[in-house]
Amino acid sequence: QVHLMESGGGSVRSGGSLRLSCVASGMTDASYVWGWFRQVPGKEREEVAAIGSDGHESYADSVKGRFTMSRMRPKSTVYLEMNNLEPEDSAMYYCAADQRYSTGGHLIPPDYYKYWGQGTQVSISS
């Protein structure tokens, strides 16, 4: 069974930075795609970044140029480096994964992913 766990959330001032981590257990050597989502109360879950086994990254327009996603395959770990954070970035951030080779170079709906973490809270103050 694949299990994901996020960490690295916290509270930071506007303009600050955070790096979120997602560590997976139970993964095989098969190729996986990874996504980072965020959600605020009363809103739909939004994908902000995705990366495939081909190494291609995709970002939502709202975070492009500020967030960077990367992966460390030997540890089955992915990261989300968040810079120049704004209050609008405040949300619960979730890690997701699925046994796919590629995202096709674009963001994809939540139902594309089979495995999900429980989330890590990010709070940005002005």
C-alpha atoms as a PDB file:
ATOM      1  CA  GLN A   1       0.000   0.000   0.000  1.00  0.00           C
ATOM      2  CA  VAL A   2       1.244   3.467  -0.887  1.00  0.00           C
ATOM      3  CA  HIS A   3       1.067   6.102   1.835  1.00  0.00           C
ATOM      4  CA  LEU A   4       2.024   9.753   1.519  1.00  0.00           C
ATOM      5  CA  MET A   5       2.846  12.223   4.266  1.00  0.00           C
ATOM      6  CA  GLU A   6       3.427  15.941   3.852  1.00  0.00           C
ATOM      7  CA  SER A   7       5.522  18.156   6.091  1.00  0.00           C
ATOM      8  CA  GLY A   8       7.071  21.604   6.090  1.00  0.00           C
ATOM      9  CA  GLY A   9       3.998  23.753   6.483  1.00  0.00           C
ATOM     10  CA  GLY A  10       3.867  26.593   8.928  1.00  0.00           C
ATOM     11  CA  SER A  11       3.308  30.301   9.356  1.00  0.00           C
ATOM     12  CA  VAL A  12       5.393  32.860   7.513  1.00  0.00           C
ATOM     13  CA  ARG A  13       5.217  36.554   6.631  1.00  0.00           C
ATOM     14  CA  SER A  14       4.438  37.808   3.156  1.00  0.00           C
ATOM     15  CA  GLY A  15       7.472  37.548   0.924  1.00  0.00           C
ATOM     16  CA  GLY A  16       8.869  34.630   2.858  1.00  0.00           C
ATOM     17  CA  SER A  17       9.587  31.095   1.743  1.00  0.00           C
ATOM     18  CA  LEU A  18       8.692  27.561   2.719  1.00  0.00           C
ATOM     19  CA  ARG A  19       9.626  24.164   1.373  1.00  0.00           C
ATOM     20  CA  LEU A  20       7.076  21.410   1.616  1.00  0.00           C
ATOM     21  CA  SER A  21       8.070  17.764   1.537  1.00  0.00           C
ATOM     22  CA  CYS A  22       6.084  14.677   0.665  1.00  0.00           C
ATOM     23  CA  VAL A  23       7.514  11.311   1.623  1.00  0.00           C
ATOM     24  CA  ALA A  24       6.009   8.142   0.205  1.00  0.00           C
ATOM     25  CA  SER A  25       6.148   4.635   1.598  1.00  0.00           C
ATOM     26  CA  GLY A  26       5.173   1.409  -0.092  1.00  0.00           C
ATOM     27  CA  MET A  27       6.081   2.538  -3.596  1.00  0.00           C
ATOM     28  CA  THR A  28       7.484   0.079  -6.098  1.00  0.00           C
ATOM     29  CA  ASP A  29      10.079   0.832  -8.737  1.00  0.00           C
ATOM     30  CA  ALA A  30       7.317   1.709 -11.164  1.00  0.00           C
ATOM     31  CA  SER A  31       7.042   5.222 -12.540  1.00  0.00           C
ATOM     32  CA  TYR A  32       4.853   7.717 -10.679  1.00  0.00           C
ATOM     33  CA  VAL A  33       3.509  11.154 -11.326  1.00  0.00           C
ATOM     34  CA  TRP A  34       3.230  13.598  -8.433  1.00  0.00           C
ATOM     35  CA  GLY A  35       1.038  16.588  -7.788  1.00  0.00           C
ATOM     36  CA  TRP A  36       0.697  19.320  -5.187  1.00  0.00           C
ATOM     37  CA  PHE A  37      -2.775  20.617  -4.431  1.00  0.00           C
ATOM     38  CA  ARG A  38      -4.105  23.263  -2.101  1.00  0.00           C
ATOM     39  CA  GLN A  39      -7.521  23.903  -0.656  1.00  0.00           C
ATOM     40  CA  VAL A  40      -9.148  26.588   1.452  1.00  0.00           C
ATOM     41  CA  PRO A  41     -12.512  26.231   3.217  1.00  0.00           C
ATOM     42  CA  GLY A  42     -15.430  26.483   0.825  1.00  0.00           C
ATOM     43  CA  LYS A  43     -13.244  26.225  -2.276  1.00  0.00           C
ATOM     44  CA  GLU A  44     -12.423  23.453  -4.703  1.00  0.00           C
ATOM     45  CA  ARG A  45      -9.126  21.683  -4.436  1.00  0.00           C
ATOM     46  CA  GLU A  46      -6.639  23.337  -6.793  1.00  0.00           C
ATOM     47  CA  GLU A  47      -3.578  21.723  -8.312  1.00  0.00           C
ATOM     48  CA  VAL A  48      -0.618  24.084  -8.187  1.00  0.00           C
ATOM     49  CA  ALA A  49       2.174  21.855  -9.511  1.00  0.00           C
ATOM     50  CA  ALA A  50       2.804  18.455 -11.053  1.00  0.00           C
ATOM     51  CA  ILE A  51       5.802  16.465 -12.178  1.00  0.00           C
ATOM     52  CA  GLY A  52       6.128  13.197 -14.076  1.00  0.00           C
ATOM     53  CA  SER A  53       8.771  10.519 -14.280  1.00  0.00           C
ATOM     54  CA  ASP A  54       9.854  12.257 -17.472  1.00  0.00           C
ATOM     55  CA  GLY A  55      10.894  15.202 -15.287  1.00  0.00           C
ATOM     56  CA  HIS A  56       8.504  17.665 -16.897  1.00  0.00           C
ATOM     57  CA  GLU A  57       6.944  20.153 -14.498  1.00  0.00           C
ATOM     58  CA  SER A  58       3.662  22.018 -14.774  1.00  0.00           C
ATOM     59  CA  TYR A  59       2.416  24.934 -12.670  1.00  0.00           C
ATOM     60  CA  ALA A  60      -0.759  26.842 -12.139  1.00  0.00           C
ATOM     61  CA  ASP A  61      -0.638  30.415 -13.370  1.00  0.00           C
ATOM     62  CA  SER A  62      -1.173  31.644  -9.828  1.00  0.00           C
ATOM     63  CA  VAL A  63       2.143  30.200  -8.638  1.00  0.00           C
ATOM     64  CA  LYS A  64       4.234  30.129 -11.809  1.00  0.00           C
ATOM     65  CA  GLY A  65       7.614  31.714 -11.267  1.00  0.00           C
ATOM     66  CA  ARG A  66       7.307  31.493  -7.481  1.00  0.00           C
ATOM     67  CA  PHE A  67       6.881  27.771  -6.779  1.00  0.00           C
ATOM     68  CA  THR A  68       9.212  25.000  -7.906  1.00  0.00           C
ATOM     69  CA  MET A  69       8.513  21.290  -7.699  1.00  0.00           C
ATOM     70  CA  SER A  70      11.261  18.684  -7.585  1.00  0.00           C
ATOM     71  CA  ARG A  71      11.668  15.025  -6.763  1.00  0.00           C
ATOM     72  CA  MET A  72      14.176  12.732  -5.114  1.00  0.00           C
ATOM     73  CA  ARG A  73      13.393   9.284  -6.414  1.00  0.00           C
ATOM     74  CA  PRO A  74      15.730   7.220  -4.176  1.00  0.00           C
ATOM     75  CA  LYS A  75      13.749   8.427  -1.165  1.00  0.00           C
ATOM     76  CA  SER A  76      10.410   8.559  -2.972  1.00  0.00           C
ATOM     77  CA  THR A  77      10.200  12.190  -1.960  1.00  0.00           C
ATOM     78  CA  VAL A  78       8.942  15.294  -3.699  1.00  0.00           C
ATOM     79  CA  TYR A  79       9.318  18.923  -2.698  1.00  0.00           C
ATOM     80  CA  LEU A  80       7.488  22.138  -3.299  1.00  0.00           C
ATOM     81  CA  GLU A  81       9.707  25.188  -2.909  1.00  0.00           C
ATOM     82  CA  MET A  82       7.531  28.226  -2.355  1.00  0.00           C
ATOM     83  CA  ASN A  83       9.017  31.706  -2.638  1.00  0.00           C
ATOM     84  CA  ASN A  84       7.581  35.210  -2.446  1.00  0.00           C
ATOM     85  CA  LEU A  85       4.609  33.867  -0.553  1.00  0.00           C
ATOM     86  CA  GLU A  86       1.427  35.901  -0.401  1.00  0.00           C
ATOM     87  CA  PRO A  87      -1.613  35.715   1.895  1.00  0.00           C
ATOM     88  CA  GLU A  88      -3.552  34.240  -1.033  1.00  0.00           C
ATOM     89  CA  ASP A  89      -1.247  31.222  -0.867  1.00  0.00           C
ATOM     90  CA  SER A  90      -2.601  30.291   2.568  1.00  0.00           C
ATOM     91  CA  ALA A  91      -4.238  26.872   2.347  1.00  0.00           C
ATOM     92  CA  MET A  92      -4.005  23.255   3.291  1.00  0.00           C
ATOM     93  CA  TYR A  93      -1.494  21.725   0.898  1.00  0.00           C
ATOM     94  CA  TYR A  94      -1.823  18.117  -0.195  1.00  0.00           C
ATOM     95  CA  CYS A  95       0.540  15.757  -1.941  1.00  0.00           C
ATOM     96  CA  ALA A  96      -0.801  13.256  -4.461  1.00  0.00           C
ATOM     97  CA  ALA A  97       0.651  10.501  -6.624  1.00  0.00           C
ATOM     98  CA  ASP A  98      -0.370   7.946  -9.194  1.00  0.00           C
ATOM     99  CA  GLN A  99       1.310   5.159 -11.116  1.00  0.00           C
ATOM    100  CA  ARG A 100       1.790   6.969 -14.395  1.00  0.00           C
ATOM    101  CA  TYR A 101       4.812   7.866 -16.459  1.00  0.00           C
ATOM    102  CA  SER A 102       3.911  11.375 -17.505  1.00  0.00           C
ATOM    103  CA  THR A 103       1.398  14.119 -16.823  1.00  0.00           C
ATOM    104  CA  GLY A 104       1.593  15.073 -20.478  1.00  0.00           C
ATOM    105  CA  GLY A 105       3.150  18.378 -19.495  1.00  0.00           C
ATOM    106  CA  HIS A 106       0.012  19.840 -17.952  1.00  0.00           C
ATOM    107  CA  LEU A 107      -1.974  19.960 -14.736  1.00  0.00           C
ATOM    108  CA  ILE A 108      -4.643  17.298 -14.369  1.00  0.00           C
ATOM    109  CA  PRO A 109      -7.800  16.872 -12.246  1.00  0.00           C
ATOM    110  CA  PRO A 110      -7.683  15.465  -8.708  1.00  0.00           C
ATOM    111  CA  ASP A 111      -9.342  12.210  -9.776  1.00  0.00           C
ATOM    112  CA  TYR A 112      -6.271  11.468 -11.848  1.00  0.00           C
ATOM    113  CA  TYR A 113      -4.437  10.641  -8.618  1.00  0.00           C
ATOM    114  CA  LYS A 114      -4.961   7.519  -6.562  1.00  0.00           C
ATOM    115  CA  TYR A 115      -2.836   8.271  -3.494  1.00  0.00           C
ATOM    116  CA  TRP A 116      -3.154  11.289  -1.205  1.00  0.00           C
ATOM    117  CA  GLY A 117      -1.541  12.623   1.922  1.00  0.00           C
ATOM    118  CA  GLN A 118      -3.406  14.208   4.815  1.00  0.00           C
ATOM    119  CA  GLY A 119      -2.176  17.741   4.190  1.00  0.00           C
ATOM    120  CA  THR A 120       0.060  20.345   5.783  1.00  0.00           C
ATOM    121  CA  GLN A 121      -1.166  23.814   6.691  1.00  0.00           C
ATOM    122  CA  VAL A 122       0.425  26.917   5.199  1.00  0.00           C
ATOM    123  CA  SER A 123      -0.493  30.303   6.659  1.00  0.00           C
ATOM    124  CA  ILE A 124       0.846  33.545   5.210  1.00  0.00           C
ATOM    125  CA  SER A 125       0.354  36.786   7.091  1.00  0.00           C
ATOM    126  CA  SER A 126       0.493  40.245   5.585  1.00  0.00           C
END
